[in-house]
C-alpha atoms as a PDB file:
ATOM      1  CA  MET A   1       0.000   0.000   0.000  1.00  0.00           C
ATOM      2  CA  ILE A   2       1.171   3.537  -0.637  1.00  0.00           C
ATOM      3  CA  GLU A   3       1.248   6.469   1.784  1.00  0.00           C
ATOM      4  CA  PHE A   4      -1.137   8.509  -0.415  1.00  0.00           C
ATOM      5  CA  GLY A   5      -2.260   8.239  -4.013  1.00  0.00           C
ATOM      6  CA  THR A   6      -4.468   6.523  -6.533  1.00  0.00           C
ATOM      7  CA  GLN A   7      -4.158   2.802  -7.031  1.00  0.00           C
ATOM      8  CA  ASP A   8      -5.568   0.256  -9.464  1.00  0.00           C
ATOM      9  CA  LYS A   9      -7.413  -1.663  -6.752  1.00  0.00           C
ATOM     10  CA  PRO A  10     -11.177  -1.933  -7.135  1.00  0.00           C
ATOM     11  CA  CYS A  11     -13.408  -0.769  -4.302  1.00  0.00           C
ATOM     12  CA  TYR A  12     -14.561  -3.629  -2.084  1.00  0.00           C
ATOM     13  CA  PHE A  13     -18.088  -2.193  -1.904  1.00  0.00           C
ATOM     14  CA  CYS A  14     -18.964  -0.741  -5.316  1.00  0.00           C
ATOM     15  CA  GLY A  15     -16.252  -2.187  -7.573  1.00  0.00           C
ATOM     16  CA  HIS A  16     -15.015   1.196  -8.845  1.00  0.00           C
ATOM     17  CA  PRO A  17     -11.702   0.367 -10.591  1.00  0.00           C
ATOM     18  CA  LYS A  18      -9.527   2.973  -8.843  1.00  0.00           C
ATOM     19  CA  THR A  19      -9.275   3.812  -5.166  1.00  0.00           C
ATOM     20  CA  ILE A  20      -7.092   6.119  -3.103  1.00  0.00           C
ATOM     21  CA  GLY A  21      -4.724   4.740  -0.511  1.00  0.00           C
ATOM     22  CA  PHE A  22      -3.755   6.871   2.489  1.00  0.00           C
ATOM     23  CA  HIS A  23      -1.967   6.453   5.817  1.00  0.00           C
ATOM     24  CA  GLU A  24      -0.418   3.257   4.415  1.00  0.00           C
ATOM     25  CA  HIS A  25      -3.388   1.011   5.219  1.00  0.00           C
ATOM     26  CA  PHE A  26      -6.608   2.910   4.550  1.00  0.00           C
ATOM     27  CA  ILE A  27      -8.615   2.916   1.336  1.00  0.00           C
ATOM     28  CA  PHE A  28     -10.986   5.615   0.106  1.00  0.00           C
ATOM     29  CA  CYS A  29     -13.305   5.120  -2.851  1.00  0.00           C
ATOM     30  CA  PRO A  30     -13.972   8.334  -4.821  1.00  0.00           C
ATOM     31  CA  ASP A  31     -17.145   6.793  -6.280  1.00  0.00           C
ATOM     32  CA  CYS A  32     -19.055   5.594  -3.194  1.00  0.00           C
ATOM     33  CA  SER A  33     -16.974   7.486  -0.554  1.00  0.00           C
ATOM     34  CA  ALA A  34     -16.391   4.386   1.596  1.00  0.00           C
ATOM     35  CA  ILE A  35     -13.343   4.407   3.860  1.00  0.00           C
ATOM     36  CA  TYR A  36     -12.055   1.034   5.019  1.00  0.00           C
ATOM     37  CA  THR A  37      -8.980  -1.051   5.762  1.00  0.00           C
ATOM     38  CA  PHE A  38      -8.155  -4.724   5.867  1.00  0.00           C
ATOM     39  CA  MET A  39      -6.924  -6.019   9.216  1.00  0.00           C
ATOM     40  CA  ILE A  40      -5.912  -9.441  10.458  1.00  0.00           C
ATOM     41  CA  VAL A  41      -8.967 -11.208  11.866  1.00  0.00           C
ATOM     42  CA  GLN A  42      -7.600 -12.984  14.926  1.00  0.00           C
ATOM     43  CA  GLU A  43     -10.886 -14.431  16.119  1.00  0.00           C
ATOM     44  CA  ALA A  44     -14.450 -14.279  14.843  1.00  0.00           C
ATOM     45  CA  MET A  45     -17.556 -15.942  16.206  1.00  0.00           C
ATOM     46  CA  CYS A  46     -18.792 -16.458  12.606  1.00  0.00           C
ATOM     47  CA  ASP A  47     -17.452 -17.151   9.102  1.00  0.00           C
ATOM     48  CA  HIS A  48     -18.837 -14.039   7.355  1.00  0.00           C
ATOM     49  CA  VAL A  49     -15.889 -11.702   7.904  1.00  0.00           C
ATOM     50  CA  GLU A  50     -12.866 -13.920   7.324  1.00  0.00           C
ATOM     51  CA  LYS A  51     -11.630 -11.658   4.477  1.00  0.00           C
ATOM     52  CA  ALA A  52     -13.828  -8.601   5.027  1.00  0.00           C
ATOM     53  CA  PRO A  53     -12.572  -5.067   5.724  1.00  0.00           C
ATOM     54  CA  VAL A  54     -13.077  -2.913   8.789  1.00  0.00           C
ATOM     55  CA  ILE A  55     -15.306  -0.036   7.725  1.00  0.00           C
ATOM     56  CA  TYR A  56     -14.824   3.551   8.923  1.00  0.00           C
ATOM     57  CA  ARG A  57     -17.301   5.252   6.571  1.00  0.00           C
ATOM     58  CA  HIS A  58     -20.193   3.497   4.867  1.00  0.00           C
ATOM     59  CA  PRO A  59     -20.730   3.855   1.109  1.00  0.00           C
ATOM     60  CA  TRP A  60     -22.946   6.887   0.520  1.00  0.00           C
ATOM     61  CA  PHE A  61     -25.360   4.972  -1.702  1.00  0.00           C
ATOM     62  CA  ASP A  62     -26.277   2.189   0.681  1.00  0.00           C
ATOM     63  CA  ARG A  63     -25.609   1.850   4.392  1.00  0.00           C
ATOM     64  CA  ASP A  64     -26.971  -1.702   4.166  1.00  0.00           C
ATOM     65  CA  THR A  65     -24.519  -3.012   1.577  1.00  0.00           C
ATOM     66  CA  ASP A  66     -24.823  -6.689   0.659  1.00  0.00           C
ATOM     67  CA  LYS A  67     -21.102  -7.313   1.241  1.00  0.00           C
ATOM     68  CA  PRO A  68     -19.985  -8.339   4.729  1.00  0.00           C
ATOM     69  CA  PHE A  69     -17.753  -5.997   6.700  1.00  0.00           C
ATOM     70  CA  ILE A  70     -16.468  -5.467  10.218  1.00  0.00           C
ATOM     71  CA  TYR A  71     -17.595  -2.433  12.198  1.00  0.00           C
ATOM     72  CA  ALA A  72     -16.637  -0.926  15.550  1.00  0.00           C
ATOM     73  CA  ALA A  73     -18.606  -2.226  18.502  1.00  0.00           C
ATOM     74  CA  THR A  74     -19.389  -0.326  21.680  1.00  0.00           C
ATOM     75  CA  LEU A  75     -16.638   0.388  24.165  1.00  0.00           C
ATOM     76  CA  ASP A  76     -18.049  -2.081  26.750  1.00  0.00           C
ATOM     77  CA  ASP A  77     -17.461  -5.097  24.489  1.00  0.00           C
ATOM     78  CA  GLN A  78     -14.449  -7.273  25.193  1.00  0.00           C
ATOM     79  CA  TYR A  79     -14.007  -7.540  21.419  1.00  0.00           C
ATOM     80  CA  PRO A  80     -13.664  -4.205  19.635  1.00  0.00           C
ATOM     81  CA  TYR A  81     -15.512  -5.180  16.440  1.00  0.00           C
ATOM     82  CA  ARG A  82     -18.647  -6.938  15.157  1.00  0.00           C
ATOM     83  CA  CYS A  83     -19.788  -8.675  11.976  1.00  0.00           C
ATOM     84  CA  SER A  84     -22.194  -6.713   9.771  1.00  0.00           C
ATOM     85  CA  GLU A  85     -24.069  -9.884   8.797  1.00  0.00           C
ATOM     86  CA  CYS A  86     -24.869 -11.460  12.155  1.00  0.00           C
ATOM     87  CA  ASP A  87     -23.516  -9.021  14.791  1.00  0.00           C
ATOM     88  CA  ALA A  88     -21.070 -11.677  16.085  1.00  0.00           C
ATOM     89  CA  LEU A  89     -18.003 -10.496  17.973  1.00  0.00           C
ATOM     90  CA  VAL A  90     -14.751 -10.117  16.036  1.00  0.00           C
ATOM     91  CA  LEU A  91     -11.194  -9.577  17.234  1.00  0.00           C
ATOM     92  CA  ALA A  92      -9.087  -7.918  14.522  1.00  0.00           C
ATOM     93  CA  ASP A  93      -5.805  -6.092  14.800  1.00  0.00           C
ATOM     94  CA  GLY A  94      -2.788  -4.902  12.885  1.00  0.00           C
ATOM     95  CA  TRP A  95      -2.031  -5.107   9.210  1.00  0.00           C
END
């Protein structure tokens, strides 16, 4: 991944052929405005998010996208993330 710039990687959510990489690990899609990154899933209570990204900003066109993703849970959870498909707990960290 590059520090900042366009890349020929399609958007995970909308498939737009070019995205923008920033801060080494984050991806921004200029088409659907999603911001996400791929982390290492250390433990998940389901199989939906094995290769799914952690989302920081939902695509503007559809908050209920049909692709699975990991989102931040509440601060009281032992696990910091949850699955978008079934709300199962997910432990993800690092790159």
